Amino acid sequence: MTRPAITSVSRFAQRSNGSTQADRFVPEEVPIALSYAGTTHAVMMGSPADLEDFARGFSLTEGIIA
């Protein structure tokens, strides 16, 4: 199952001039661990969208792949 990159949540705001209720979009973040040859090189939080692009960019930047 793939998680969405954003989730719509309902919110209620109370202010001095009254209250409002509306939906807001909240980005989803999940822990991402990048491991090479059985060794974890990095663990970070990120969006579940475009994980392949994220891993490729990290690997290129760190010099793990050419």
N, C-alpha and C. Protein backbone atom coordinates (compact mmCIF):
# COMPACT_ATOMS: atom_id res chain seq x y z
N MET A 1 0.83 -1.17 0.00
CA MET A 1 0.00 0.00 0.00
C MET A 1 0.89 1.25 0.00
N THR A 2 0.59 2.18 -0.88
CA THR A 2 1.34 3.42 -0.97
C THR A 2 0.62 4.51 -0.18
N ARG A 3 1.37 5.23 0.64
CA ARG A 3 0.78 6.33 1.40
C ARG A 3 0.75 7.58 0.54
N PRO A 4 -0.29 8.41 0.70
CA PRO A 4 -0.34 9.65 -0.07
C PRO A 4 0.71 10.64 0.43
N ALA A 5 1.11 11.57 -0.45
CA ALA A 5 2.10 12.57 -0.06
C ALA A 5 1.47 13.64 0.84
N ILE A 6 0.16 13.83 0.72
CA ILE A 6 -0.53 14.80 1.58
C ILE A 6 -1.84 14.19 2.05
N THR A 7 -2.32 14.65 3.18
CA THR A 7 -3.59 14.20 3.74
C THR A 7 -4.42 15.43 4.09
N SER A 8 -5.71 15.35 3.83
CA SER A 8 -6.61 16.43 4.20
C SER A 8 -7.14 16.15 5.60
N VAL A 9 -7.01 17.14 6.48
CA VAL A 9 -7.51 17.01 7.85
C VAL A 9 -8.44 18.18 8.16
N SER A 10 -9.41 17.93 9.00
CA SER A 10 -10.33 18.97 9.41
C SER A 10 -9.75 19.68 10.62
N ARG A 11 -9.87 21.00 10.65
CA ARG A 11 -9.35 21.74 11.80
C ARG A 11 -10.40 22.73 12.29
N PHE A 12 -10.31 23.06 13.55
CA PHE A 12 -11.21 24.01 14.20
C PHE A 12 -10.35 25.07 14.86
N ALA A 13 -10.59 26.34 14.50
CA ALA A 13 -9.80 27.44 15.05
C ALA A 13 -10.69 28.35 15.88
N GLN A 14 -10.27 28.60 17.10
CA GLN A 14 -11.01 29.50 17.99
C GLN A 14 -10.21 30.79 18.12
N ARG A 15 -10.84 31.89 17.78
CA ARG A 15 -10.19 33.19 17.87
C ARG A 15 -11.07 34.15 18.65
N SER A 16 -10.56 35.32 18.96
CA SER A 16 -11.33 36.30 19.75
C SER A 16 -12.58 36.79 19.01
N ASN A 17 -12.54 36.78 17.68
CA ASN A 17 -13.69 37.23 16.91
C ASN A 17 -14.60 36.10 16.43
N GLY A 18 -14.39 34.89 16.94
CA GLY A 18 -15.24 33.76 16.58
C GLY A 18 -14.43 32.53 16.26
N SER A 19 -15.09 31.55 15.71
CA SER A 19 -14.42 30.29 15.38
C SER A 19 -14.71 29.91 13.94
N THR A 20 -13.82 29.13 13.39
CA THR A 20 -13.99 28.63 12.02
C THR A 20 -13.56 27.17 11.97
N GLN A 21 -14.15 26.47 11.02
CA GLN A 21 -13.76 25.09 10.78
C GLN A 21 -13.49 24.97 9.29
N ALA A 22 -12.38 24.32 8.95
CA ALA A 22 -12.00 24.16 7.55
C ALA A 22 -11.07 22.96 7.42
N ASP A 23 -10.88 22.54 6.19
CA ASP A 23 -9.93 21.46 5.90
C ASP A 23 -8.57 22.08 5.58
N ARG A 24 -7.54 21.38 5.96
CA ARG A 24 -6.17 21.78 5.64
C ARG A 24 -5.44 20.57 5.07
N PHE A 25 -4.51 20.83 4.18
CA PHE A 25 -3.67 19.77 3.65
C PHE A 25 -2.39 19.71 4.47
N VAL A 26 -2.06 18.52 4.95
CA VAL A 26 -0.89 18.31 5.80
C VAL A 26 0.03 17.32 5.07
N PRO A 27 1.30 17.68 4.89
CA PRO A 27 2.21 16.75 4.25
C PRO A 27 2.48 15.54 5.13
N GLU A 28 2.50 14.38 4.52
CA GLU A 28 2.85 13.15 5.23
C GLU A 28 4.36 13.01 5.26
N GLU A 29 4.89 12.56 6.36
CA GLU A 29 6.31 12.25 6.44
C GLU A 29 6.48 10.89 7.09
N VAL A 30 7.42 10.14 6.56
CA VAL A 30 7.72 8.80 7.05
C VAL A 30 9.23 8.69 7.25
N PRO A 31 9.69 7.81 8.14
CA PRO A 31 11.14 7.61 8.26
C PRO A 31 11.66 6.87 7.03
N ILE A 32 12.77 7.34 6.50
CA ILE A 32 13.39 6.73 5.32
C ILE A 32 14.81 6.33 5.71
N ALA A 33 15.13 5.06 5.54
CA ALA A 33 16.48 4.57 5.81
C ALA A 33 17.12 4.15 4.49
N LEU A 34 18.30 4.66 4.23
CA LEU A 34 19.04 4.28 3.03
C LEU A 34 20.20 3.40 3.44
N SER A 35 20.18 2.16 2.95
CA SER A 35 21.20 1.17 3.30
C SER A 35 21.89 0.68 2.04
N TYR A 36 23.20 0.50 2.13
CA TYR A 36 24.00 0.00 1.02
C TYR A 36 24.88 -1.11 1.56
N ALA A 37 24.86 -2.24 0.88
CA ALA A 37 25.68 -3.41 1.25
C ALA A 37 25.47 -3.78 2.72
N GLY A 38 24.23 -3.67 3.20
CA GLY A 38 23.90 -4.08 4.55
C GLY A 38 24.22 -3.06 5.63
N THR A 39 24.71 -1.87 5.23
CA THR A 39 25.04 -0.82 6.19
C THR A 39 24.14 0.38 5.98
N THR A 40 23.54 0.86 7.07
CA THR A 40 22.68 2.03 6.96
C THR A 40 23.55 3.28 6.89
N HIS A 41 23.33 4.08 5.85
CA HIS A 41 24.10 5.31 5.66
C HIS A 41 23.36 6.53 6.17
N ALA A 42 22.02 6.49 6.13
CA ALA A 42 21.25 7.67 6.57
C ALA A 42 19.83 7.25 6.92
N VAL A 43 19.28 7.91 7.93
CA VAL A 43 17.87 7.77 8.28
C VAL A 43 17.34 9.19 8.42
N MET A 44 16.28 9.49 7.68
CA MET A 44 15.71 10.83 7.74
C MET A 44 14.21 10.76 7.53
N MET A 45 13.53 11.86 7.81
CA MET A 45 12.10 11.93 7.57
C MET A 45 11.89 12.54 6.19
N GLY A 46 10.88 12.03 5.47
CA GLY A 46 10.60 12.56 4.14
C GLY A 46 9.24 12.13 3.66
N SER A 47 8.83 12.70 2.56
CA SER A 47 7.55 12.37 1.93
C SER A 47 7.63 10.99 1.31
N PRO A 48 6.54 10.22 1.38
CA PRO A 48 6.55 8.90 0.75
C PRO A 48 6.47 8.97 -0.77
N ALA A 49 6.28 10.18 -1.33
CA ALA A 49 6.22 10.35 -2.78
C ALA A 49 7.64 10.41 -3.35
N ASP A 50 7.83 9.84 -4.52
CA ASP A 50 9.09 9.93 -5.25
C ASP A 50 10.29 9.41 -4.48
N LEU A 51 10.12 8.28 -3.80
CA LEU A 51 11.23 7.72 -3.02
C LEU A 51 12.41 7.32 -3.90
N GLU A 52 12.13 6.83 -5.10
CA GLU A 52 13.21 6.41 -6.00
C GLU A 52 14.08 7.62 -6.39
N ASP A 53 13.45 8.74 -6.72
CA ASP A 53 14.20 9.95 -7.06
C ASP A 53 15.00 10.44 -5.85
N PHE A 54 14.40 10.39 -4.69
CA PHE A 54 15.09 10.81 -3.46
C PHE A 54 16.34 9.96 -3.22
N ALA A 55 16.19 8.64 -3.31
CA ALA A 55 17.31 7.73 -3.08
C ALA A 55 18.40 7.92 -4.13
N ARG A 56 18.00 8.12 -5.37
CA ARG A 56 19.00 8.32 -6.43
C ARG A 56 19.77 9.63 -6.20
N GLY A 57 19.05 10.71 -5.87
CA GLY A 57 19.71 11.99 -5.63
C GLY A 57 20.65 11.94 -4.43
N PHE A 58 20.23 11.30 -3.35
CA PHE A 58 21.08 11.16 -2.16
C PHE A 58 22.34 10.35 -2.52
N SER A 59 22.15 9.25 -3.22
CA SER A 59 23.27 8.37 -3.57
C SER A 59 24.28 9.07 -4.48
N LEU A 60 23.78 9.87 -5.43
CA LEU A 60 24.68 10.63 -6.30
C LEU A 60 25.43 11.70 -5.52
N THR A 61 24.73 12.44 -4.69
CA THR A 61 25.33 13.52 -3.92
C THR A 61 26.41 13.00 -2.97
N GLU A 62 26.17 11.86 -2.35
CA GLU A 62 27.12 11.29 -1.40
C GLU A 62 28.24 10.50 -2.09
N GLY A 63 28.20 10.37 -3.41
CA GLY A 63 29.24 9.67 -4.14
C GLY A 63 29.16 8.16 -4.03
N ILE A 64 28.00 7.65 -3.64
CA ILE A 64 27.83 6.20 -3.49
C ILE A 64 27.65 5.55 -4.86
N ILE A 65 27.00 6.28 -5.78
CA ILE A 65 26.85 5.81 -7.17
C ILE A 65 27.35 6.91 -8.09
N ALA A 66 27.64 6.51 -9.32
CA ALA A 66 28.13 7.50 -10.31
C ALA A 66 27.07 7.79 -11.35
